[in-house]
Amino acid sequence: VKIFAPNIEQRDVVNHLKGSPAEEKRNVLVESARLARGNIQDLAELKASEFDAVIFPGGFGVAKNLCSWAVDGKNCTVNEHVNSTLQAFHSAKKPIGLCCISPVLAAKVFPGCEVTVGQDKNIDGRFPDAETASAIAELGCKHICKNVNESHVDKANKIVTTCAFMCKAPLHEIFDGIGTMVQEVLKLA
């Protein structure tokens, strides 16, 4: 397992203690190295031929830095290295795992694919971003409704997705869903 991130400036920096923007600049690769304890490489160096699969985590970093979904929604652009990485694994028929908001990357890059970001309705207040499913459909993809502890496998495209934090759920349920995604990616590898 190797960890990669793009060597780009973050869209913005948030002070999570205060919940407000911070007046500073940070680099995505440097911040990712902090989280990965330094064992990380520039995404531009990733070669699909050296790996069996690729998994993208989710979160605001995906929506703000790997693409512009947070600002542009379905009209977003995808970072060139993220796009080329997805294309390389897809072309090599190697599995791609995506969780939380990152399934929108596949929806943008692979029209016609099947993904899940949870439910298409805000059931019991647990899916506050349910409209993301409609945006995925508008991109020409099929959104598959799944619970937080489940994943969806698009066998034709070898894309495995789960909603993770797109659902307001206890951490153990989110953990279970991500676990099923990883298991399904490994089965396809």
N, C-alpha and C. Protein backbone atom coordinates (compact mmCIF):
# COMPACT_ATOMS: atom_id res chain seq x y z
N VAL A 1 0.85 -1.17 0.00
CA VAL A 1 0.00 0.00 0.00
C VAL A 1 0.89 1.23 0.00
N LYS A 2 0.58 2.15 -0.89
CA LYS A 2 1.27 3.44 -0.92
C LYS A 2 0.23 4.54 -0.96
N ILE A 3 0.60 5.68 -0.40
CA ILE A 3 -0.32 6.82 -0.31
C ILE A 3 0.20 7.93 -1.21
N PHE A 4 -0.74 8.54 -1.94
CA PHE A 4 -0.41 9.62 -2.87
C PHE A 4 -1.35 10.79 -2.65
N ALA A 5 -0.89 11.98 -3.01
CA ALA A 5 -1.73 13.18 -2.99
C ALA A 5 -1.18 14.14 -4.03
N PRO A 6 -2.04 14.99 -4.58
CA PRO A 6 -1.53 15.96 -5.55
C PRO A 6 -0.71 17.06 -4.86
N ASN A 7 0.32 17.52 -5.55
CA ASN A 7 1.17 18.58 -5.04
C ASN A 7 0.61 19.92 -5.51
N ILE A 8 -0.47 20.34 -4.85
CA ILE A 8 -1.17 21.58 -5.21
C ILE A 8 -1.53 22.35 -3.95
N GLU A 9 -1.83 23.63 -4.11
CA GLU A 9 -2.28 24.44 -2.98
C GLU A 9 -3.73 24.09 -2.67
N GLN A 10 -4.06 24.04 -1.37
CA GLN A 10 -5.44 23.80 -0.97
C GLN A 10 -6.32 24.98 -1.41
N ARG A 11 -7.57 24.67 -1.72
CA ARG A 11 -8.53 25.73 -2.08
C ARG A 11 -8.64 26.73 -0.94
N ASP A 12 -8.74 26.23 0.28
CA ASP A 12 -8.80 27.07 1.46
C ASP A 12 -8.38 26.25 2.67
N VAL A 13 -8.18 26.92 3.77
CA VAL A 13 -7.81 26.26 5.02
C VAL A 13 -8.89 26.59 6.04
N VAL A 14 -9.37 25.58 6.74
CA VAL A 14 -10.42 25.77 7.73
C VAL A 14 -9.85 25.49 9.12
N ASN A 15 -10.16 26.37 10.05
CA ASN A 15 -9.84 26.14 11.46
C ASN A 15 -11.00 25.30 12.00
N HIS A 16 -10.78 24.02 12.15
CA HIS A 16 -11.86 23.11 12.55
C HIS A 16 -12.26 23.28 14.01
N LEU A 17 -11.42 23.88 14.82
CA LEU A 17 -11.78 24.17 16.20
C LEU A 17 -12.86 25.25 16.24
N LYS A 18 -12.71 26.26 15.39
CA LYS A 18 -13.67 27.37 15.34
C LYS A 18 -14.73 27.18 14.27
N GLY A 19 -14.47 26.31 13.29
CA GLY A 19 -15.41 26.10 12.20
C GLY A 19 -15.45 27.27 11.22
N SER A 20 -14.33 27.95 11.09
CA SER A 20 -14.28 29.11 10.20
C SER A 20 -13.00 29.08 9.36
N PRO A 21 -13.00 29.82 8.24
CA PRO A 21 -11.79 29.85 7.41
C PRO A 21 -10.61 30.46 8.16
N ALA A 22 -9.43 29.97 7.83
CA ALA A 22 -8.19 30.48 8.41
C ALA A 22 -7.46 31.29 7.34
N GLU A 23 -6.76 32.30 7.77
CA GLU A 23 -6.01 33.15 6.84
C GLU A 23 -4.60 32.60 6.64
N GLU A 24 -4.52 31.47 5.98
CA GLU A 24 -3.21 30.88 5.68
C GLU A 24 -3.33 30.01 4.44
N LYS A 25 -2.21 29.62 3.91
CA LYS A 25 -2.16 28.76 2.73
C LYS A 25 -1.49 27.44 3.15
N ARG A 26 -1.98 26.35 2.57
CA ARG A 26 -1.38 25.03 2.81
C ARG A 26 -1.34 24.25 1.51
N ASN A 27 -0.43 23.31 1.45
CA ASN A 27 -0.26 22.45 0.29
C ASN A 27 -0.91 21.10 0.58
N VAL A 28 -1.65 20.57 -0.39
CA VAL A 28 -2.36 19.30 -0.21
C VAL A 28 -1.37 18.16 0.08
N LEU A 29 -0.29 18.09 -0.64
CA LEU A 29 0.69 17.01 -0.43
C LEU A 29 1.32 17.12 0.96
N VAL A 30 1.66 18.33 1.38
CA VAL A 30 2.27 18.54 2.70
C VAL A 30 1.28 18.16 3.80
N GLU A 31 0.02 18.59 3.68
CA GLU A 31 -0.99 18.25 4.69
C GLU A 31 -1.26 16.75 4.70
N SER A 32 -1.29 16.14 3.52
CA SER A 32 -1.50 14.70 3.44
C SER A 32 -0.33 13.95 4.07
N ALA A 33 0.87 14.47 3.89
CA ALA A 33 2.05 13.85 4.51
C ALA A 33 1.95 13.91 6.04
N ARG A 34 1.37 15.00 6.56
CA ARG A 34 1.18 15.10 8.01
C ARG A 34 0.25 13.99 8.48
N LEU A 35 -0.84 13.77 7.75
CA LEU A 35 -1.80 12.73 8.12
C LEU A 35 -1.23 11.33 7.92
N ALA A 36 -0.43 11.16 6.88
CA ALA A 36 0.14 9.85 6.56
C ALA A 36 1.48 9.60 7.28
N ARG A 37 1.85 10.52 8.13
CA ARG A 37 3.11 10.43 8.88
C ARG A 37 4.32 10.43 7.96
N GLY A 38 4.21 11.17 6.84
CA GLY A 38 5.34 11.38 5.96
C GLY A 38 5.53 10.36 4.86
N ASN A 39 4.91 9.21 4.97
CA ASN A 39 5.10 8.16 3.99
C ASN A 39 4.13 8.35 2.82
N ILE A 40 4.46 9.29 1.93
CA ILE A 40 3.55 9.68 0.86
C ILE A 40 4.33 10.13 -0.36
N GLN A 41 3.68 10.06 -1.53
CA GLN A 41 4.31 10.50 -2.76
C GLN A 41 3.36 11.42 -3.53
N ASP A 42 3.94 12.19 -4.43
CA ASP A 42 3.17 13.07 -5.31
C ASP A 42 2.32 12.20 -6.24
N LEU A 43 1.05 12.52 -6.37
CA LEU A 43 0.14 11.75 -7.22
C LEU A 43 0.63 11.70 -8.67
N ALA A 44 1.35 12.70 -9.11
CA ALA A 44 1.90 12.71 -10.48
C ALA A 44 2.85 11.54 -10.72
N GLU A 45 3.39 10.96 -9.65
CA GLU A 45 4.34 9.85 -9.78
C GLU A 45 3.68 8.47 -9.78
N LEU A 46 2.37 8.41 -9.51
CA LEU A 46 1.69 7.12 -9.44
C LEU A 46 1.62 6.47 -10.82
N LYS A 47 1.99 5.20 -10.87
CA LYS A 47 1.92 4.42 -12.11
C LYS A 47 0.96 3.26 -11.86
N ALA A 48 -0.14 3.24 -12.58
CA ALA A 48 -1.15 2.20 -12.40
C ALA A 48 -0.57 0.81 -12.59
N SER A 49 0.44 0.68 -13.43
CA SER A 49 1.05 -0.63 -13.70
C SER A 49 1.70 -1.24 -12.46
N GLU A 50 1.98 -0.42 -11.45
CA GLU A 50 2.65 -0.90 -10.24
C GLU A 50 1.68 -1.28 -9.11
N PHE A 51 0.37 -1.14 -9.36
CA PHE A 51 -0.62 -1.39 -8.31
C PHE A 51 -1.77 -2.25 -8.82
N ASP A 52 -2.42 -2.94 -7.90
CA ASP A 52 -3.56 -3.80 -8.24
C ASP A 52 -4.88 -3.05 -8.22
N ALA A 53 -4.93 -1.93 -7.49
CA ALA A 53 -6.17 -1.17 -7.33
C ALA A 53 -5.83 0.21 -6.80
N VAL A 54 -6.83 1.09 -6.82
CA VAL A 54 -6.68 2.42 -6.23
C VAL A 54 -7.94 2.72 -5.42
N ILE A 55 -7.75 3.37 -4.27
CA ILE A 55 -8.88 3.77 -3.43
C ILE A 55 -8.73 5.25 -3.10
N PHE A 56 -9.82 5.99 -3.30
CA PHE A 56 -9.87 7.41 -2.95
C PHE A 56 -10.75 7.59 -1.73
N PRO A 57 -10.21 8.21 -0.67
CA PRO A 57 -11.07 8.55 0.46
C PRO A 57 -11.95 9.72 0.06
N GLY A 58 -12.79 10.14 0.94
CA GLY A 58 -13.68 11.25 0.61
C GLY A 58 -13.39 12.46 1.45
N GLY A 59 -14.42 13.21 1.75
CA GLY A 59 -14.30 14.39 2.58
C GLY A 59 -14.16 15.67 1.79
N PHE A 60 -14.09 16.76 2.53
CA PHE A 60 -14.01 18.08 1.90
C PHE A 60 -12.79 18.21 1.00
N GLY A 61 -11.71 17.50 1.33
CA GLY A 61 -10.52 17.56 0.49
C GLY A 61 -10.80 17.12 -0.94
N VAL A 62 -11.63 16.10 -1.09
CA VAL A 62 -12.00 15.65 -2.43
C VAL A 62 -12.85 16.74 -3.11
N ALA A 63 -13.86 17.22 -2.41
CA ALA A 63 -14.80 18.17 -2.99
C ALA A 63 -14.19 19.54 -3.27
N LYS A 64 -13.10 19.87 -2.57
CA LYS A 64 -12.48 21.17 -2.75
C LYS A 64 -11.17 21.13 -3.52
N ASN A 65 -10.42 20.04 -3.39
CA ASN A 65 -9.06 20.00 -3.95
C ASN A 65 -8.87 18.99 -5.07
N LEU A 66 -9.47 17.81 -4.96
CA LEU A 66 -9.34 16.82 -6.03
C LEU A 66 -10.26 17.16 -7.19
N CYS A 67 -11.30 17.92 -6.87
CA CYS A 67 -12.20 18.45 -7.90
C CYS A 67 -12.83 19.72 -7.33
N SER A 68 -13.67 20.36 -8.10
CA SER A 68 -14.30 21.60 -7.64
C SER A 68 -15.77 21.40 -7.29
N TRP A 69 -16.16 20.18 -6.90
CA TRP A 69 -17.56 19.86 -6.61
C TRP A 69 -18.15 20.80 -5.54
N ALA A 70 -17.38 21.13 -4.52
CA ALA A 70 -17.89 21.97 -3.42
C ALA A 70 -18.38 23.33 -3.92
N VAL A 71 -17.78 23.81 -5.00
CA VAL A 71 -18.13 25.11 -5.55
C VAL A 71 -19.03 24.98 -6.78
N ASP A 72 -18.74 24.01 -7.64
CA ASP A 72 -19.39 23.92 -8.95
C ASP A 72 -20.38 22.78 -9.11
N GLY A 73 -20.50 21.90 -8.10
CA GLY A 73 -21.42 20.78 -8.22
C GLY A 73 -21.14 19.96 -9.46
N LYS A 74 -22.21 19.55 -10.17
CA LYS A 74 -22.06 18.68 -11.34
C LYS A 74 -21.26 19.31 -12.47
N ASN A 75 -21.05 20.61 -12.43
CA ASN A 75 -20.24 21.30 -13.44
C ASN A 75 -18.77 21.38 -13.03
N CYS A 76 -18.39 20.60 -12.06
CA CYS A 76 -17.03 20.65 -11.53
C CYS A 76 -15.98 20.22 -12.55
N THR A 77 -14.76 20.57 -12.24
CA THR A 77 -13.61 20.06 -12.98
C THR A 77 -12.87 19.12 -12.03
N VAL A 78 -12.18 18.15 -12.61
CA VAL A 78 -11.41 17.18 -11.82
C VAL A 78 -9.93 17.48 -12.03
N ASN A 79 -9.18 17.50 -10.95
CA ASN A 79 -7.74 17.72 -11.02
C ASN A 79 -7.12 16.79 -12.06
N GLU A 80 -6.20 17.32 -12.86
CA GLU A 80 -5.64 16.55 -13.98
C GLU A 80 -4.98 15.24 -13.55
N HIS A 81 -4.29 15.24 -12.40
CA HIS A 81 -3.62 14.01 -11.96
C HIS A 81 -4.62 13.00 -11.39
N VAL A 82 -5.68 13.49 -10.77
CA VAL A 82 -6.75 12.62 -10.30
C VAL A 82 -7.43 11.98 -11.50
N ASN A 83 -7.74 12.80 -12.50
CA ASN A 83 -8.39 12.30 -13.72
C ASN A 83 -7.52 11.26 -14.41
N SER A 84 -6.25 11.56 -14.59
CA SER A 84 -5.37 10.61 -15.29
C SER A 84 -5.18 9.32 -14.49
N THR A 85 -5.17 9.42 -13.16
CA THR A 85 -5.07 8.23 -12.33
C THR A 85 -6.31 7.35 -12.50
N LEU A 86 -7.48 7.96 -12.41
CA LEU A 86 -8.72 7.20 -12.61
C LEU A 86 -8.76 6.57 -14.00
N GLN A 87 -8.40 7.33 -15.00
CA GLN A 87 -8.40 6.82 -16.38
C GLN A 87 -7.42 5.65 -16.54
N ALA A 88 -6.25 5.77 -15.93
CA ALA A 88 -5.23 4.72 -16.05
C ALA A 88 -5.70 3.41 -15.43
N PHE A 89 -6.29 3.47 -14.23
CA PHE A 89 -6.76 2.24 -13.58
C PHE A 89 -7.95 1.66 -14.34
N HIS A 90 -8.83 2.52 -14.82
CA HIS A 90 -10.00 2.06 -15.59
C HIS A 90 -9.56 1.39 -16.89
N SER A 91 -8.63 2.03 -17.60
CA SER A 91 -8.12 1.46 -18.86
C SER A 91 -7.43 0.12 -18.65
N ALA A 92 -6.77 -0.02 -17.51
CA ALA A 92 -6.07 -1.28 -17.19
C ALA A 92 -7.02 -2.32 -16.58
N LYS A 93 -8.31 -1.97 -16.48
CA LYS A 93 -9.33 -2.85 -15.91
C LYS A 93 -8.98 -3.27 -14.47
N LYS A 94 -8.46 -2.29 -13.74
CA LYS A 94 -8.13 -2.50 -12.33
C LYS A 94 -9.18 -1.79 -11.47
N PRO A 95 -9.52 -2.36 -10.32
CA PRO A 95 -10.60 -1.78 -9.51
C PRO A 95 -10.28 -0.41 -8.92
N ILE A 96 -11.35 0.36 -8.78
CA ILE A 96 -11.30 1.70 -8.22
C ILE A 96 -12.29 1.74 -7.07
N GLY A 97 -11.83 2.10 -5.87
CA GLY A 97 -12.70 2.25 -4.71
C GLY A 97 -12.86 3.72 -4.38
N LEU A 98 -14.09 4.13 -4.09
CA LEU A 98 -14.38 5.53 -3.79
C LEU A 98 -15.38 5.60 -2.65
N CYS A 99 -15.11 6.45 -1.65
CA CYS A 99 -16.07 6.57 -0.55
C CYS A 99 -16.39 8.03 -0.25
N CYS A 100 -17.49 8.20 0.46
CA CYS A 100 -17.99 9.50 0.87
C CYS A 100 -18.37 10.31 -0.38
N ILE A 101 -17.81 11.47 -0.60
CA ILE A 101 -18.13 12.30 -1.76
C ILE A 101 -17.32 11.90 -3.00
N SER A 102 -16.27 11.10 -2.83
CA SER A 102 -15.41 10.79 -3.99
C SER A 102 -16.09 10.01 -5.12
N PRO A 103 -17.23 9.33 -4.92
CA PRO A 103 -17.89 8.74 -6.09
C PRO A 103 -18.27 9.76 -7.18
N VAL A 104 -18.36 11.04 -6.80
CA VAL A 104 -18.64 12.05 -7.83
C VAL A 104 -17.49 12.15 -8.82
N LEU A 105 -16.29 11.78 -8.41
CA LEU A 105 -15.16 11.76 -9.34
C LEU A 105 -15.43 10.78 -10.47
N ALA A 106 -15.88 9.58 -10.11
CA ALA A 106 -16.20 8.57 -11.14
C ALA A 106 -17.36 9.04 -11.99
N ALA A 107 -18.37 9.64 -11.37
CA ALA A 107 -19.53 10.13 -12.12
C ALA A 107 -19.12 11.18 -13.15
N LYS A 108 -18.15 11.99 -12.80
CA LYS A 108 -17.68 13.03 -13.71
C LYS A 108 -16.77 12.47 -14.80
N VAL A 109 -15.94 11.50 -14.45
CA VAL A 109 -14.92 10.97 -15.37
C VAL A 109 -15.45 9.82 -16.24
N PHE A 110 -16.41 9.03 -15.71
CA PHE A 110 -16.90 7.84 -16.42
C PHE A 110 -18.41 7.90 -16.62
N PRO A 111 -18.88 8.68 -17.58
CA PRO A 111 -20.33 8.74 -17.82
C PRO A 111 -20.90 7.34 -18.01
N GLY A 112 -22.05 7.11 -17.40
CA GLY A 112 -22.70 5.81 -17.51
C GLY A 112 -22.36 4.83 -16.41
N CYS A 113 -21.41 5.18 -15.55
CA CYS A 113 -21.05 4.26 -14.46
C CYS A 113 -22.14 4.26 -13.39
N GLU A 114 -22.04 3.30 -12.47
CA GLU A 114 -22.95 3.18 -11.33
C GLU A 114 -22.17 3.47 -10.06
N VAL A 115 -22.72 4.35 -9.22
CA VAL A 115 -22.08 4.68 -7.94
C VAL A 115 -23.15 4.87 -6.87
N THR A 116 -22.69 4.93 -5.63
CA THR A 116 -23.58 5.30 -4.53
C THR A 116 -22.93 6.37 -3.67
N VAL A 117 -23.76 7.29 -3.21
CA VAL A 117 -23.37 8.23 -2.14
C VAL A 117 -24.41 8.10 -1.03
N GLY A 118 -25.05 6.94 -0.97
CA GLY A 118 -26.06 6.66 0.06
C GLY A 118 -27.46 6.63 -0.52
N GLN A 119 -28.30 7.52 -0.05
CA GLN A 119 -29.71 7.56 -0.47
C GLN A 119 -29.99 8.79 -1.32
N ASP A 120 -31.07 8.74 -2.08
CA ASP A 120 -31.47 9.89 -2.89
C ASP A 120 -32.55 10.73 -2.20
N LYS A 121 -32.88 10.37 -0.97
CA LYS A 121 -33.81 11.14 -0.14
C LYS A 121 -33.21 11.24 1.26
N ASN A 122 -33.49 12.34 1.95
CA ASN A 122 -32.93 12.56 3.27
C ASN A 122 -33.75 11.79 4.32
N ILE A 123 -33.58 10.50 4.31
CA ILE A 123 -34.32 9.60 5.20
C ILE A 123 -33.95 9.87 6.65
N ASP A 124 -34.95 10.21 7.46
CA ASP A 124 -34.76 10.46 8.90
C ASP A 124 -33.65 11.46 9.21
N GLY A 125 -33.37 12.36 8.27
CA GLY A 125 -32.32 13.36 8.50
C GLY A 125 -30.91 12.80 8.43
N ARG A 126 -30.78 11.53 8.03
CA ARG A 126 -29.46 10.88 7.99
C ARG A 126 -28.68 11.18 6.71
N PHE A 127 -29.35 11.65 5.66
CA PHE A 127 -28.69 11.88 4.37
C PHE A 127 -28.90 13.33 3.93
N PRO A 128 -28.26 14.28 4.62
CA PRO A 128 -28.50 15.70 4.33
C PRO A 128 -28.02 16.14 2.94
N ASP A 129 -27.16 15.36 2.31
CA ASP A 129 -26.66 15.69 0.97
C ASP A 129 -27.25 14.79 -0.10
N ALA A 130 -28.50 14.35 0.12
CA ALA A 130 -29.16 13.40 -0.79
C ALA A 130 -29.27 13.94 -2.22
N GLU A 131 -29.28 15.26 -2.37
CA GLU A 131 -29.38 15.83 -3.73
C GLU A 131 -28.16 15.49 -4.59
N THR A 132 -27.09 15.05 -3.98
CA THR A 132 -25.91 14.63 -4.75
C THR A 132 -26.27 13.48 -5.69
N ALA A 133 -27.19 12.62 -5.25
CA ALA A 133 -27.62 11.50 -6.09
C ALA A 133 -28.26 12.00 -7.37
N SER A 134 -29.05 13.06 -7.29
CA SER A 134 -29.69 13.65 -8.49
C SER A 134 -28.64 14.23 -9.42
N ALA A 135 -27.64 14.91 -8.86
CA ALA A 135 -26.57 15.48 -9.68
C ALA A 135 -25.80 14.39 -10.40
N ILE A 136 -25.59 13.26 -9.73
CA ILE A 136 -24.91 12.13 -10.36
C ILE A 136 -25.73 11.62 -11.54
N ALA A 137 -27.03 11.53 -11.37
CA ALA A 137 -27.92 11.10 -12.46
C ALA A 137 -27.88 12.10 -13.62
N GLU A 138 -27.81 13.39 -13.30
CA GLU A 138 -27.74 14.41 -14.35
C GLU A 138 -26.43 14.31 -15.14
N LEU A 139 -25.41 13.72 -14.55
CA LEU A 139 -24.15 13.50 -15.26
C LEU A 139 -24.20 12.26 -16.16
N GLY A 140 -25.35 11.58 -16.18
CA GLY A 140 -25.50 10.41 -17.03
C GLY A 140 -25.11 9.11 -16.37
N CYS A 141 -25.00 9.14 -15.05
CA CYS A 141 -24.63 7.94 -14.31
C CYS A 141 -25.83 7.44 -13.52
N LYS A 142 -25.73 6.23 -13.04
CA LYS A 142 -26.81 5.65 -12.26
C LYS A 142 -26.43 5.67 -10.79
N HIS A 143 -27.27 6.32 -9.98
CA HIS A 143 -27.04 6.29 -8.54
C HIS A 143 -27.80 5.11 -7.95
N ILE A 144 -27.12 4.30 -7.17
CA ILE A 144 -27.71 3.14 -6.52
C ILE A 144 -27.86 3.46 -5.03
N CYS A 145 -29.09 3.42 -4.53
CA CYS A 145 -29.33 3.70 -3.11
C CYS A 145 -28.80 2.55 -2.25
N LYS A 146 -28.01 2.90 -1.27
CA LYS A 146 -27.42 1.93 -0.34
C LYS A 146 -27.41 2.50 1.06
N ASN A 147 -27.44 1.63 2.04
CA ASN A 147 -27.29 2.04 3.42
C ASN A 147 -25.82 2.30 3.72
N VAL A 148 -25.55 2.98 4.81
CA VAL A 148 -24.19 3.38 5.16
C VAL A 148 -23.25 2.19 5.36
N ASN A 149 -23.77 1.06 5.78
CA ASN A 149 -22.91 -0.10 6.03
C ASN A 149 -22.73 -0.98 4.80
N GLU A 150 -23.19 -0.50 3.64
CA GLU A 150 -23.10 -1.27 2.40
C GLU A 150 -22.23 -0.54 1.38
N SER A 151 -21.87 -1.26 0.33
CA SER A 151 -21.18 -0.66 -0.80
C SER A 151 -21.87 -1.14 -2.08
N HIS A 152 -21.57 -0.48 -3.17
CA HIS A 152 -22.11 -0.91 -4.46
C HIS A 152 -20.95 -1.24 -5.39
N VAL A 153 -21.09 -2.32 -6.13
CA VAL A 153 -20.07 -2.75 -7.08
C VAL A 153 -20.62 -2.58 -8.50
N ASP A 154 -20.00 -1.71 -9.27
CA ASP A 154 -20.27 -1.58 -10.70
C ASP A 154 -19.29 -2.53 -11.38
N LYS A 155 -19.76 -3.75 -11.63
CA LYS A 155 -18.87 -4.80 -12.15
C LYS A 155 -18.31 -4.46 -13.52
N ALA A 156 -19.12 -3.82 -14.36
CA ALA A 156 -18.68 -3.49 -15.72
C ALA A 156 -17.49 -2.54 -15.71
N ASN A 157 -17.48 -1.61 -14.77
CA ASN A 157 -16.41 -0.61 -14.70
C ASN A 157 -15.40 -0.87 -13.59
N LYS A 158 -15.65 -1.92 -12.78
CA LYS A 158 -14.79 -2.24 -11.63
C LYS A 158 -14.66 -1.04 -10.69
N ILE A 159 -15.81 -0.41 -10.41
CA ILE A 159 -15.87 0.72 -9.49
C ILE A 159 -16.69 0.31 -8.27
N VAL A 160 -16.10 0.48 -7.08
CA VAL A 160 -16.78 0.12 -5.83
C VAL A 160 -16.93 1.40 -5.00
N THR A 161 -18.17 1.67 -4.56
CA THR A 161 -18.44 2.90 -3.84
C THR A 161 -19.23 2.64 -2.56
N THR A 162 -19.06 3.55 -1.60
CA THR A 162 -19.84 3.53 -0.36
C THR A 162 -20.01 4.97 0.11
N CYS A 163 -21.06 5.22 0.88
CA CYS A 163 -21.38 6.61 1.22
C CYS A 163 -20.59 7.19 2.38
N ALA A 164 -20.12 6.39 3.30
CA ALA A 164 -19.34 6.86 4.47
C ALA A 164 -20.01 8.06 5.13
N PHE A 165 -19.32 9.18 5.20
CA PHE A 165 -19.82 10.35 5.93
C PHE A 165 -20.87 11.15 5.17
N MET A 166 -21.33 10.67 4.03
CA MET A 166 -22.48 11.29 3.36
C MET A 166 -23.74 10.93 4.15
N CYS A 167 -23.59 10.04 5.11
CA CYS A 167 -24.68 9.65 6.01
C CYS A 167 -24.30 10.05 7.43
N LYS A 168 -25.25 10.65 8.13
CA LYS A 168 -25.03 10.96 9.55
C LYS A 168 -25.32 9.69 10.33
N ALA A 169 -24.28 8.95 10.60
CA ALA A 169 -24.41 7.64 11.23
C ALA A 169 -23.32 7.46 12.27
N PRO A 170 -23.51 6.50 13.17
CA PRO A 170 -22.45 6.19 14.13
C PRO A 170 -21.19 5.72 13.39
N LEU A 171 -20.04 6.03 13.95
CA LEU A 171 -18.77 5.70 13.30
C LEU A 171 -18.64 4.22 12.95
N HIS A 172 -19.17 3.34 13.80
CA HIS A 172 -19.02 1.91 13.51
C HIS A 172 -19.78 1.51 12.24
N GLU A 173 -20.89 2.18 11.94
CA GLU A 173 -21.62 1.88 10.70
C GLU A 173 -20.84 2.39 9.48
N ILE A 174 -20.25 3.56 9.61
CA ILE A 174 -19.42 4.12 8.53
C ILE A 174 -18.22 3.21 8.30
N PHE A 175 -17.59 2.77 9.37
CA PHE A 175 -16.45 1.85 9.31
C PHE A 175 -16.85 0.57 8.57
N ASP A 176 -18.02 0.03 8.88
CA ASP A 176 -18.48 -1.20 8.23
C ASP A 176 -18.65 -1.01 6.73
N GLY A 177 -19.22 0.13 6.34
CA GLY A 177 -19.41 0.39 4.91
C GLY A 177 -18.10 0.53 4.17
N ILE A 178 -17.16 1.25 4.77
CA ILE A 178 -15.84 1.39 4.15
C ILE A 178 -15.16 0.03 4.08
N GLY A 179 -15.34 -0.78 5.11
CA GLY A 179 -14.78 -2.14 5.10
C GLY A 179 -15.32 -2.98 3.97
N THR A 180 -16.63 -2.89 3.71
CA THR A 180 -17.18 -3.66 2.59
C THR A 180 -16.65 -3.16 1.26
N MET A 181 -16.44 -1.83 1.15
CA MET A 181 -15.87 -1.29 -0.08
C MET A 181 -14.47 -1.85 -0.32
N VAL A 182 -13.65 -1.82 0.72
CA VAL A 182 -12.27 -2.33 0.59
C VAL A 182 -12.30 -3.83 0.24
N GLN A 183 -13.14 -4.60 0.91
CA GLN A 183 -13.24 -6.04 0.62
C GLN A 183 -13.63 -6.29 -0.84
N GLU A 184 -14.58 -5.52 -1.34
CA GLU A 184 -15.03 -5.70 -2.73
C GLU A 184 -13.95 -5.28 -3.73
N VAL A 185 -13.21 -4.23 -3.41
CA VAL A 185 -12.08 -3.82 -4.27
C VAL A 185 -11.06 -4.95 -4.32
N LEU A 186 -10.75 -5.54 -3.17
CA LEU A 186 -9.76 -6.62 -3.14
C LEU A 186 -10.23 -7.84 -3.91
N LYS A 187 -11.54 -8.13 -3.87
CA LYS A 187 -12.07 -9.26 -4.64
C LYS A 187 -11.90 -9.05 -6.14
N LEU A 188 -11.99 -7.80 -6.58
CA LEU A 188 -11.85 -7.48 -8.00
C LEU A 188 -10.40 -7.38 -8.46
N ALA A 189 -9.48 -7.26 -7.48
CA ALA A 189 -8.06 -7.04 -7.82
C ALA A 189 -7.40 -8.31 -8.33
